[in-house]
Amino acid sequence: MSSLPRLGRSAWRRGPLAADALRDSPLARALVLATVFVFACVFLFAPLAIVFVEALRPGFGTYLRNLVDPDSLAAVRLTLLVAAIAVPLNVIVGIAGAWAVARFRFRGRNLLVTLIDLPFSVSPVIAGLVYVLLFGAQGYFGPWLKAQGIDIVFALPGIVLATMFVTFPFVARELIPHMETIGSSEEEAALLLGASPWRMFFSIVLPNVKWSLLYGVLLCNARAMGEFGAVAVVSGRIRGVTTTMPLHVEILYNEYMGAAAFATASLLALLALVTLAAKTIVELRFEKSLAAHARGPE
């Protein structure tokens, strides 16, 4: 019986070689690859390429003028500001939530996991409406906030709150499985050797999960800059004041200013491509990190 786990482990390690015995026919492989390639070109690459083609169609000079338009610059600044506020806050809360779920067993743990996943199942538009109902002029806290001179809805705080709600799960959801995979033996050893909890956290925990954390940050940042539904509800779409880049693209397109809309959209596309490249690099490092922990000490 003791040989079974070793056999299973060795078979797992020989996965790529064992898979050679299960090869499909050349025709089946060709059909699958052709289907995926055609789908990727038609539904993924072509729309992205069209954005740049339409943005540059009037000429590069017009493209630059559209990008430096005051309203466009205001949208870019607001988008970056919202991401700069929402992402670090989600990182802090995400690390705390992942730590609680992966390291402790307590009553309400399953509820906490459900709450972490809640933004995945709630429409962003509904999330925005919830904040309007809570903090709007006619909302539960709106009159009191107005009396204090505090603006939440149709202002920066409301946009940040809506963005945080939508992007909240990304960091925690990347950290939880990684923390559970690597276990807590190194952390316990550090505590037994006299390390303080904070030193253990910064010397053991963060280095072990740095790649999954960075991966979650990239996903969180990409979603924060591209969020539309929740922000559209709480922002009021005040041009030059509360319009982020996605909202600015919609406003320009609805006003039949196609070149300007595609110019701003091209910036979002460039940010997406940069995020994709960074995500690929982090993914490779993340896989190496997991493999190293799986092998353990020789």
Protein backbone atom coordinates (compact mmCIF):
# COMPACT_ATOMS: atom_id res chain seq x y z
CA MET A 1 0.00 0.00 0.00
CA SER A 2 2.86 2.40 0.74
CA SER A 3 4.02 2.14 -2.87
CA LEU A 4 0.77 3.55 -4.22
CA PRO A 5 1.38 7.17 -3.19
CA ARG A 6 4.90 6.99 -4.61
CA LEU A 7 3.55 5.53 -7.83
CA GLY A 8 0.91 8.22 -8.06
CA ARG A 9 3.46 10.92 -7.40
CA SER A 10 5.88 9.60 -10.01
CA ALA A 11 3.07 9.23 -12.54
CA TRP A 12 2.10 12.81 -11.86
CA ARG A 13 5.65 13.96 -12.46
CA ARG A 14 5.73 12.00 -15.72
CA GLY A 15 2.50 13.66 -16.85
CA PRO A 16 3.84 15.18 -20.12
CA LEU A 17 5.48 11.83 -21.09
CA ALA A 18 2.44 9.78 -20.18
CA ALA A 19 0.31 12.13 -22.24
CA ASP A 20 2.23 11.04 -25.36
CA ALA A 21 0.42 7.71 -25.16
CA LEU A 22 -2.91 9.51 -25.36
CA ARG A 23 -2.22 11.53 -28.48
CA ASP A 24 -5.15 12.39 -30.72
CA SER A 25 -5.03 11.83 -34.43
CA PRO A 26 -3.25 14.49 -36.52
CA LEU A 27 -6.57 15.46 -38.11
CA ALA A 28 -8.23 16.01 -34.71
CA ARG A 29 -5.31 18.13 -33.50
CA ALA A 30 -5.38 20.17 -36.69
CA LEU A 31 -9.12 20.79 -36.40
CA VAL A 32 -8.88 21.84 -32.76
CA LEU A 33 -5.94 24.16 -33.39
CA ALA A 34 -7.61 25.68 -36.46
CA THR A 35 -10.84 26.28 -34.55
CA VAL A 36 -9.06 27.99 -31.66
CA PHE A 37 -6.86 30.03 -34.00
CA VAL A 38 -9.79 31.24 -36.12
CA PHE A 39 -11.83 32.09 -33.02
CA ALA A 40 -8.92 34.03 -31.49
CA CYS A 41 -8.32 35.98 -34.70
CA VAL A 42 -11.97 36.83 -35.40
CA PHE A 43 -13.24 37.53 -31.90
CA LEU A 44 -10.10 38.67 -30.04
CA PHE A 45 -7.33 39.98 -32.29
CA ALA A 46 -9.48 41.62 -35.00
CA PRO A 47 -11.52 43.87 -32.63
CA LEU A 48 -8.33 44.96 -30.87
CA ALA A 49 -6.64 45.75 -34.18
CA ILE A 50 -9.69 47.71 -35.36
CA VAL A 51 -9.41 49.99 -32.33
CA PHE A 52 -5.93 51.12 -33.39
CA VAL A 53 -6.85 51.30 -37.07
CA GLU A 54 -9.84 53.57 -36.38
CA ALA A 55 -7.89 55.68 -33.90
CA LEU A 56 -5.13 56.36 -36.44
CA ARG A 57 -7.34 56.64 -39.53
CA PRO A 58 -7.60 60.50 -39.43
CA GLY A 59 -3.83 60.75 -39.11
CA PHE A 60 -1.28 60.67 -36.31
CA GLY A 61 -1.58 64.41 -35.68
CA THR A 62 -5.33 64.16 -35.12
CA TYR A 63 -4.71 61.12 -32.93
CA LEU A 64 -2.37 63.09 -30.68
CA ARG A 65 -4.75 66.06 -30.53
CA ASN A 66 -7.54 63.74 -29.42
CA LEU A 67 -5.33 62.29 -26.69
CA VAL A 68 -4.29 65.68 -25.28
CA ASP A 69 -7.81 67.04 -25.26
CA PRO A 70 -8.49 68.45 -21.76
CA ASP A 71 -11.45 66.13 -21.17
CA SER A 72 -9.43 63.12 -22.32
CA LEU A 73 -6.53 64.03 -20.05
CA ALA A 74 -8.94 64.52 -17.15
CA ALA A 75 -10.39 61.05 -17.79
CA VAL A 76 -6.91 59.51 -17.87
CA ARG A 77 -5.90 61.26 -14.62
CA LEU A 78 -9.10 60.18 -12.87
CA THR A 79 -8.72 56.58 -14.04
CA LEU A 80 -5.14 56.38 -12.78
CA LEU A 81 -6.07 58.09 -9.51
CA VAL A 82 -8.94 55.70 -8.84
CA ALA A 83 -6.71 52.70 -9.56
CA ALA A 84 -3.94 54.14 -7.36
CA ILE A 85 -6.38 54.35 -4.44
CA ALA A 86 -8.52 51.25 -4.94
CA VAL A 87 -5.80 48.72 -5.75
CA PRO A 88 -3.57 49.27 -2.65
CA LEU A 89 -6.63 49.20 -0.39
CA ASN A 90 -7.77 45.94 -1.98
CA VAL A 91 -4.25 44.54 -1.57
CA ILE A 92 -4.32 45.21 2.18
CA VAL A 93 -7.80 43.79 2.67
CA GLY A 94 -7.13 40.92 0.26
CA ILE A 95 -4.00 39.82 2.12
CA ALA A 96 -5.85 39.95 5.44
CA GLY A 97 -8.79 37.97 4.04
CA ALA A 98 -6.56 35.36 2.40
CA TRP A 99 -4.52 35.00 5.59
CA ALA A 100 -7.67 34.46 7.66
CA VAL A 101 -9.11 31.87 5.27
CA ALA A 102 -5.89 29.95 4.62
CA ARG A 103 -4.44 29.88 8.13
CA PHE A 104 -7.41 29.73 10.52
CA ARG A 105 -10.46 27.56 11.04
CA PHE A 106 -13.28 29.51 12.65
CA ARG A 107 -17.04 29.74 12.69
CA GLY A 108 -18.11 31.85 9.72
CA ARG A 109 -15.12 30.91 7.55
CA ASN A 110 -17.35 29.70 4.71
CA LEU A 111 -19.36 32.91 4.98
CA LEU A 112 -16.16 34.94 4.62
CA VAL A 113 -15.21 32.98 1.48
CA THR A 114 -18.69 33.62 0.09
CA LEU A 115 -18.40 37.34 0.79
CA ILE A 116 -15.02 37.44 -0.96
CA ASP A 117 -16.61 35.86 -4.04
CA LEU A 118 -19.75 38.02 -3.88
CA PRO A 119 -18.60 40.68 -6.41
CA PHE A 120 -18.15 37.92 -9.00
CA SER A 121 -21.86 37.13 -8.92
CA VAL A 122 -23.33 40.63 -8.42
CA SER A 123 -23.78 42.82 -11.47
CA PRO A 124 -21.56 45.94 -11.34
CA VAL A 125 -24.62 48.06 -12.14
CA ILE A 126 -26.38 46.71 -9.05
CA ALA A 127 -23.27 47.45 -6.98
CA GLY A 128 -23.36 51.04 -8.20
CA LEU A 129 -27.07 51.33 -7.39
CA VAL A 130 -26.41 50.06 -3.86
CA TYR A 131 -23.95 52.88 -3.23
CA VAL A 132 -26.41 55.41 -4.65
CA LEU A 133 -29.10 54.08 -2.29
CA LEU A 134 -26.71 54.30 0.64
CA PHE A 135 -24.92 57.58 -0.02
CA GLY A 136 -27.05 59.42 -2.58
CA ALA A 137 -28.98 62.60 -1.81
CA GLN A 138 -32.11 60.53 -1.10
CA GLY A 139 -30.24 57.56 0.34
CA TYR A 140 -29.98 56.27 3.88
CA PHE A 141 -26.90 58.31 4.76
CA GLY A 142 -27.20 60.98 2.07
CA PRO A 143 -28.90 63.74 4.11
CA TRP A 144 -26.41 63.37 6.97
CA LEU A 145 -23.43 63.37 4.58
CA LYS A 146 -24.80 66.44 2.82
CA ALA A 147 -25.14 68.23 6.14
CA GLN A 148 -21.49 67.46 6.84
CA GLY A 149 -20.42 68.71 3.42
CA ILE A 150 -19.26 65.26 2.32
CA ASP A 151 -19.86 64.13 -1.26
CA ILE A 152 -19.74 60.41 -1.99
CA VAL A 153 -21.95 59.85 -5.01
CA PHE A 154 -21.08 61.81 -8.18
CA ALA A 155 -17.60 62.38 -6.73
CA LEU A 156 -14.25 60.62 -6.38
CA PRO A 157 -15.10 58.68 -3.17
CA GLY A 158 -18.10 57.01 -4.81
CA ILE A 159 -16.06 55.99 -7.84
CA VAL A 160 -13.36 54.54 -5.60
CA LEU A 161 -15.89 52.61 -3.50
CA ALA A 162 -17.61 51.16 -6.57
CA THR A 163 -14.25 50.18 -8.08
CA MET A 164 -13.12 48.56 -4.84
CA PHE A 165 -16.29 46.48 -4.67
CA VAL A 166 -15.90 45.18 -8.21
CA THR A 167 -12.17 44.44 -7.91
CA PHE A 168 -12.13 43.16 -4.33
CA PRO A 169 -11.89 39.38 -4.99
CA PHE A 170 -8.89 39.36 -7.32
CA VAL A 171 -6.07 39.64 -4.78
CA ALA A 172 -7.62 37.35 -2.16
CA ARG A 173 -8.59 34.73 -4.73
CA GLU A 174 -5.02 34.49 -6.04
CA LEU A 175 -3.51 34.28 -2.55
CA ILE A 176 -5.83 31.77 -0.85
CA PRO A 177 -4.95 28.65 -2.93
CA HIS A 178 -1.25 29.56 -2.93
CA MET A 179 -1.15 29.98 0.85
CA GLU A 180 -2.99 26.68 1.30
CA THR A 181 -0.58 24.94 -1.09
CA ILE A 182 2.67 26.06 0.57
CA GLY A 183 1.34 25.35 4.07
CA SER A 184 2.43 26.99 7.30
CA SER A 185 5.49 24.94 8.33
CA GLU A 186 8.00 27.72 7.57
CA GLU A 187 5.89 30.27 9.44
CA GLU A 188 5.60 28.01 12.49
CA ALA A 189 9.34 27.39 12.45
CA ALA A 190 10.04 31.11 12.35
CA LEU A 191 7.75 31.73 15.33
CA LEU A 192 9.35 28.88 17.27
CA LEU A 193 12.77 30.42 16.62
CA GLY A 194 11.61 33.64 18.21
CA ALA A 195 10.60 35.78 15.24
CA SER A 196 7.87 38.31 15.91
CA PRO A 197 4.60 37.92 13.94
CA TRP A 198 5.37 41.00 11.86
CA ARG A 199 8.91 39.83 11.07
CA MET A 200 7.57 36.39 10.19
CA PHE A 201 4.99 37.96 7.90
CA PHE A 202 7.44 40.18 6.02
CA SER A 203 10.32 37.65 5.98
CA ILE A 204 8.42 34.41 5.28
CA VAL A 205 4.85 35.00 4.11
CA LEU A 206 5.28 37.85 1.63
CA PRO A 207 8.38 36.36 -0.10
CA ASN A 208 6.54 33.04 -0.49
CA VAL A 209 3.44 34.57 -2.07
CA LYS A 210 5.03 37.50 -3.90
CA TRP A 211 4.29 36.16 -7.40
CA SER A 212 0.67 35.27 -6.69
CA LEU A 213 0.26 38.64 -4.98
CA LEU A 214 1.70 40.47 -7.98
CA TYR A 215 -0.53 38.42 -10.28
CA GLY A 216 -3.59 39.42 -8.27
CA VAL A 217 -2.49 43.06 -8.27
CA LEU A 218 -2.20 43.03 -12.07
CA LEU A 219 -5.68 41.57 -12.49
CA CYS A 220 -7.11 43.98 -9.93
CA ASN A 221 -5.48 46.99 -11.60
CA ALA A 222 -6.64 45.96 -15.08
CA ARG A 223 -10.22 45.58 -13.91
CA ALA A 224 -10.08 48.85 -11.95
CA MET A 225 -9.01 50.86 -14.99
CA GLY A 226 -11.52 49.17 -17.28
CA GLU A 227 -14.57 49.14 -15.00
CA PHE A 228 -17.65 50.68 -16.57
CA GLY A 229 -20.97 49.55 -15.05
CA ALA A 230 -20.57 50.41 -11.37
CA VAL A 231 -18.65 53.61 -12.09
CA ALA A 232 -21.26 54.74 -14.63
CA VAL A 233 -23.96 54.62 -11.94
CA VAL A 234 -22.13 56.43 -9.14
CA SER A 235 -20.16 58.96 -11.19
CA GLY A 236 -22.96 61.02 -12.72
CA ARG A 237 -20.82 61.16 -15.91
CA ILE A 238 -19.80 64.77 -15.39
CA ARG A 239 -17.42 65.40 -18.27
CA GLY A 240 -13.95 66.40 -17.17
CA VAL A 241 -14.82 65.78 -13.52
CA THR A 242 -16.17 62.26 -12.89
CA THR A 243 -15.67 60.50 -16.23
CA THR A 244 -13.09 57.74 -16.30
CA MET A 245 -11.60 56.50 -19.56
CA PRO A 246 -14.32 53.88 -20.29
CA LEU A 247 -17.06 56.46 -19.61
CA HIS A 248 -15.28 59.05 -21.74
CA VAL A 249 -15.13 56.59 -24.65
CA GLU A 250 -18.87 55.98 -24.41
CA ILE A 251 -19.68 59.71 -24.28
CA LEU A 252 -17.52 60.47 -27.31
CA TYR A 253 -18.95 57.57 -29.29
CA ASN A 254 -22.54 58.58 -28.49
CA GLU A 255 -21.71 62.07 -29.75
CA TYR A 256 -20.47 60.59 -33.05
CA MET A 257 -16.87 61.59 -32.31
CA GLY A 258 -15.54 58.23 -33.42
CA ALA A 259 -11.89 59.17 -33.90
CA ALA A 260 -11.65 60.70 -30.42
CA ALA A 261 -13.46 57.72 -28.88
CA PHE A 262 -11.12 55.24 -30.54
CA ALA A 263 -8.08 57.32 -29.53
CA THR A 264 -9.00 57.01 -25.85
CA ALA A 265 -9.97 53.37 -26.37
CA SER A 266 -6.52 52.72 -27.83
CA LEU A 267 -4.96 53.88 -24.56
CA LEU A 268 -7.08 51.36 -22.68
CA ALA A 269 -6.06 48.71 -25.19
CA LEU A 270 -2.38 49.57 -24.73
CA LEU A 271 -2.78 49.29 -20.96
CA ALA A 272 -4.44 45.91 -21.48
CA LEU A 273 -1.56 44.69 -23.65
CA VAL A 274 1.01 45.86 -21.10
CA THR A 275 -0.96 44.11 -18.36
CA LEU A 276 -1.13 40.94 -20.48
CA ALA A 277 2.63 40.94 -21.01
CA ALA A 278 3.29 41.51 -17.30
CA LYS A 279 0.73 38.84 -16.43
CA THR A 280 2.48 36.30 -18.66
CA ILE A 281 5.86 37.00 -17.07
CA VAL A 282 4.43 36.75 -13.56
CA GLU A 283 2.58 33.55 -14.46
CA LEU A 284 5.83 31.87 -15.47
CA ARG A 285 7.56 32.94 -12.26
CA PHE A 286 4.49 31.90 -10.26
CA GLU A 287 4.56 28.38 -11.76
CA LYS A 288 8.26 28.05 -10.98
CA SER A 289 7.61 29.16 -7.40
CA LEU A 290 4.82 26.58 -6.97
CA ALA A 291 6.99 23.86 -8.50
CA ALA A 292 9.83 24.68 -6.12
CA HIS A 293 7.54 24.45 -3.10
CA ALA A 294 6.02 21.20 -4.41
CA ARG A 295 9.47 19.58 -4.74
CA GLY A 296 10.51 20.73 -1.31
CA PRO A 297 13.98 20.09 0.07
CA GLU A 298 15.86 17.35 -1.74
